[in-house]
Amino acid sequence: MPVINIEDLTEKDKLKMEVDQLKKEVTLERMLILARHCQNPL
């Protein structure tokens, strides 16, 4: 993976990277919740 110099990015690029990261985190959290629910059904 290439090294990215954050100072060289535009504000739009920084925000896009942040949104992409948050989307990944939400997806992982949903997967964890589903996995826990499958292991311990109500």
PDB file of N, CA and C in Angstrom:
ATOM      1  N   MET A   1       0.850  -1.181   0.000  1.00  0.00           N
ATOM      2  CA  MET A   1       0.000   0.000   0.000  1.00  0.00           C
ATOM      3  C   MET A   1       0.895   1.242   0.000  1.00  0.00           C
ATOM      4  N   PRO A   2       0.605   2.191  -0.880  1.00  0.00           N
ATOM      5  CA  PRO A   2       1.467   3.377  -0.952  1.00  0.00           C
ATOM      6  C   PRO A   2       1.316   4.287   0.265  1.00  0.00           C
ATOM      7  N   VAL A   3       2.371   5.011   0.550  1.00  0.00           N
ATOM      8  CA  VAL A   3       2.343   5.976   1.653  1.00  0.00           C
ATOM      9  C   VAL A   3       1.656   7.243   1.156  1.00  0.00           C
ATOM     10  N   ILE A   4       0.746   7.788   1.980  1.00  0.00           N
ATOM     11  CA  ILE A   4       0.012   8.996   1.607  1.00  0.00           C
ATOM     12  C   ILE A   4       0.414  10.116   2.553  1.00  0.00           C
ATOM     13  N   ASN A   5       0.821  11.240   1.988  1.00  0.00           N
ATOM     14  CA  ASN A   5       1.149  12.416   2.790  1.00  0.00           C
ATOM     15  C   ASN A   5      -0.142  13.211   2.995  1.00  0.00           C
ATOM     16  N   ILE A   6      -0.660  13.175   4.212  1.00  0.00           N
ATOM     17  CA  ILE A   6      -1.951  13.799   4.520  1.00  0.00           C
ATOM     18  C   ILE A   6      -1.931  15.298   4.223  1.00  0.00           C
ATOM     19  N   GLU A   7      -0.794  15.960   4.446  1.00  0.00           N
ATOM     20  CA  GLU A   7      -0.720  17.404   4.219  1.00  0.00           C
ATOM     21  C   GLU A   7      -0.950  17.775   2.754  1.00  0.00           C
ATOM     22  N   ASP A   8      -0.660  16.844   1.843  1.00  0.00           N
ATOM     23  CA  ASP A   8      -0.805  17.130   0.411  1.00  0.00           C
ATOM     24  C   ASP A   8      -2.230  16.916  -0.100  1.00  0.00           C
ATOM     25  N   LEU A   9      -3.094  16.351   0.712  1.00  0.00           N
ATOM     26  CA  LEU A   9      -4.455  16.067   0.269  1.00  0.00           C
ATOM     27  C   LEU A   9      -5.347  17.295   0.389  1.00  0.00           C
ATOM     28  N   THR A  10      -6.322  17.370  -0.496  1.00  0.00           N
ATOM     29  CA  THR A  10      -7.317  18.436  -0.381  1.00  0.00           C
ATOM     30  C   THR A  10      -8.289  18.073   0.734  1.00  0.00           C
ATOM     31  N   GLU A  11      -9.037  19.045   1.182  1.00  0.00           N
ATOM     32  CA  GLU A  11     -10.024  18.797   2.244  1.00  0.00           C
ATOM     33  C   GLU A  11     -11.048  17.762   1.782  1.00  0.00           C
ATOM     34  N   LYS A  12     -11.427  17.839   0.520  1.00  0.00           N
ATOM     35  CA  LYS A  12     -12.396  16.883  -0.040  1.00  0.00           C
ATOM     36  C   LYS A  12     -11.844  15.458   0.023  1.00  0.00           C
ATOM     37  N   ASP A  13     -10.567  15.299  -0.353  1.00  0.00           N
ATOM     38  CA  ASP A  13      -9.946  13.973  -0.307  1.00  0.00           C
ATOM     39  C   ASP A  13      -9.876  13.444   1.124  1.00  0.00           C
ATOM     40  N   LYS A  14      -9.536  14.321   2.065  1.00  0.00           N
ATOM     41  CA  LYS A  14      -9.470  13.912   3.478  1.00  0.00           C
ATOM     42  C   LYS A  14     -10.835  13.438   3.963  1.00  0.00           C
ATOM     43  N   LEU A  15     -11.871  14.205   3.612  1.00  0.00           N
ATOM     44  CA  LEU A  15     -13.221  13.834   4.046  1.00  0.00           C
ATOM     45  C   LEU A  15     -13.678  12.537   3.391  1.00  0.00           C
ATOM     46  N   LYS A  16     -13.321  12.349   2.126  1.00  0.00           N
ATOM     47  CA  LYS A  16     -13.694  11.108   1.436  1.00  0.00           C
ATOM     48  C   LYS A  16     -13.026   9.909   2.112  1.00  0.00           C
ATOM     49  N   MET A  17     -11.754  10.059   2.462  1.00  0.00           N
ATOM     50  CA  MET A  17     -11.053   8.972   3.151  1.00  0.00           C
ATOM     51  C   MET A  17     -11.717   8.668   4.488  1.00  0.00           C
ATOM     52  N   GLU A  18     -12.119   9.715   5.209  1.00  0.00           N
ATOM     53  CA  GLU A  18     -12.765   9.523   6.505  1.00  0.00           C
ATOM     54  C   GLU A  18     -14.101   8.804   6.343  1.00  0.00           C
ATOM     55  N   VAL A  19     -14.883   9.198   5.349  1.00  0.00           N
ATOM     56  CA  VAL A  19     -16.176   8.549   5.098  1.00  0.00           C
ATOM     57  C   VAL A  19     -15.968   7.079   4.741  1.00  0.00           C
ATOM     58  N   ASP A  20     -14.989   6.802   3.878  1.00  0.00           N
ATOM     59  CA  ASP A  20     -14.707   5.413   3.507  1.00  0.00           C
ATOM     60  C   ASP A  20     -14.322   4.587   4.730  1.00  0.00           C
ATOM     61  N   GLN A  21     -13.502   5.162   5.604  1.00  0.00           N
ATOM     62  CA  GLN A  21     -13.093   4.460   6.820  1.00  0.00           C
ATOM     63  C   GLN A  21     -14.292   4.184   7.725  1.00  0.00           C
ATOM     64  N   LEU A  22     -15.166   5.171   7.883  1.00  0.00           N
ATOM     65  CA  LEU A  22     -16.349   4.986   8.730  1.00  0.00           C
ATOM     66  C   LEU A  22     -17.274   3.918   8.159  1.00  0.00           C
ATOM     67  N   LYS A  23     -17.410   3.868   6.838  1.00  0.00           N
ATOM     68  CA  LYS A  23     -18.239   2.835   6.206  1.00  0.00           C
ATOM     69  C   LYS A  23     -17.687   1.447   6.521  1.00  0.00           C
ATOM     70  N   LYS A  24     -16.356   1.303   6.462  1.00  0.00           N
ATOM     71  CA  LYS A  24     -15.727   0.015   6.781  1.00  0.00           C
ATOM     72  C   LYS A  24     -15.980  -0.353   8.238  1.00  0.00           C
ATOM     73  N   GLU A  25     -15.857   0.631   9.135  1.00  0.00           N
ATOM     74  CA  GLU A  25     -16.068   0.361  10.557  1.00  0.00           C
ATOM     75  C   GLU A  25     -17.508  -0.057  10.829  1.00  0.00           C
ATOM     76  N   VAL A  26     -18.462   0.615  10.193  1.00  0.00           N
ATOM     77  CA  VAL A  26     -19.875   0.271  10.386  1.00  0.00           C
ATOM     78  C   VAL A  26     -20.139  -1.144   9.881  1.00  0.00           C
ATOM     79  N   THR A  27     -19.579  -1.477   8.721  1.00  0.00           N
ATOM     80  CA  THR A  27     -19.755  -2.822   8.171  1.00  0.00           C
ATOM     81  C   THR A  27     -19.203  -3.873   9.126  1.00  0.00           C
ATOM     82  N   LEU A  28     -18.014  -3.633   9.669  1.00  0.00           N
ATOM     83  CA  LEU A  28     -17.414  -4.591  10.600  1.00  0.00           C
ATOM     84  C   LEU A  28     -18.238  -4.713  11.879  1.00  0.00           C
ATOM     85  N   GLU A  29     -18.746  -3.587  12.389  1.00  0.00           N
ATOM     86  CA  GLU A  29     -19.567  -3.637  13.599  1.00  0.00           C
ATOM     87  C   GLU A  29     -20.846  -4.427  13.357  1.00  0.00           C
ATOM     88  N   ARG A  30     -21.462  -4.230  12.196  1.00  0.00           N
ATOM     89  CA  ARG A  30     -22.678  -4.983  11.867  1.00  0.00           C
ATOM     90  C   ARG A  30     -22.391  -6.473  11.783  1.00  0.00           C
ATOM     91  N   MET A  31     -21.237  -6.824  11.195  1.00  0.00           N
ATOM     92  CA  MET A  31     -20.859  -8.234  11.104  1.00  0.00           C
ATOM     93  C   MET A  31     -20.664  -8.826  12.497  1.00  0.00           C
ATOM     94  N   LEU A  32     -20.029  -8.070  13.396  1.00  0.00           N
ATOM     95  CA  LEU A  32     -19.828  -8.546  14.765  1.00  0.00           C
ATOM     96  C   LEU A  32     -21.156  -8.754  15.481  1.00  0.00           C
ATOM     97  N   ILE A  33     -22.067  -7.796  15.312  1.00  0.00           N
ATOM     98  CA  ILE A  33     -23.378  -7.896  15.964  1.00  0.00           C
ATOM     99  C   ILE A  33     -24.121  -9.122  15.449  1.00  0.00           C
ATOM    100  N   LEU A  34     -24.098  -9.338  14.130  1.00  0.00           N
ATOM    101  CA  LEU A  34     -24.780 -10.499  13.559  1.00  0.00           C
ATOM    102  C   LEU A  34     -24.151 -11.802  14.056  1.00  0.00           C
ATOM    103  N   ALA A  35     -22.823 -11.835  14.136  1.00  0.00           N
ATOM    104  CA  ALA A  35     -22.137 -13.041  14.597  1.00  0.00           C
ATOM    105  C   ALA A  35     -22.498 -13.339  16.049  1.00  0.00           C
ATOM    106  N   ARG A  36     -22.543 -12.306  16.876  1.00  0.00           N
ATOM    107  CA  ARG A  36     -22.904 -12.506  18.285  1.00  0.00           C
ATOM    108  C   ARG A  36     -24.348 -12.966  18.409  1.00  0.00           C
ATOM    109  N   HIS A  37     -25.218 -12.393  17.591  1.00  0.00           N
ATOM    110  CA  HIS A  37     -26.635 -12.759  17.644  1.00  0.00           C
ATOM    111  C   HIS A  37     -26.822 -14.219  17.224  1.00  0.00           C
ATOM    112  N   CYS A  38     -26.059 -14.666  16.236  1.00  0.00           N
ATOM    113  CA  CYS A  38     -26.170 -16.056  15.780  1.00  0.00           C
ATOM    114  C   CYS A  38     -25.666 -17.028  16.844  1.00  0.00           C
ATOM    115  N   GLN A  39     -24.670 -16.614  17.613  1.00  0.00           N
ATOM    116  CA  GLN A  39     -24.132 -17.480  18.660  1.00  0.00           C
ATOM    117  C   GLN A  39     -25.062 -17.535  19.864  1.00  0.00           C
ATOM    118  N   ASN A  40     -25.718 -16.425  20.167  1.00  0.00           N
ATOM    119  CA  ASN A  40     -26.586 -16.342  21.344  1.00  0.00           C
ATOM    120  C   ASN A  40     -27.979 -15.853  20.945  1.00  0.00           C
ATOM    121  N   PRO A  41     -28.761 -16.704  20.275  1.00  0.00           N
ATOM    122  CA  PRO A  41     -30.101 -16.245  19.883  1.00  0.00           C
ATOM    123  C   PRO A  41     -30.977 -15.990  21.101  1.00  0.00           C
ATOM    124  N   LEU A  42     -31.950 -15.110  20.926  1.00  0.00           N
ATOM    125  CA  LEU A  42     -32.861 -14.774  22.024  1.00  0.00           C
ATOM    126  C   LEU A  42     -33.608 -16.000  22.382  1.00  0.00           C
TER     127      LEU A  42
END
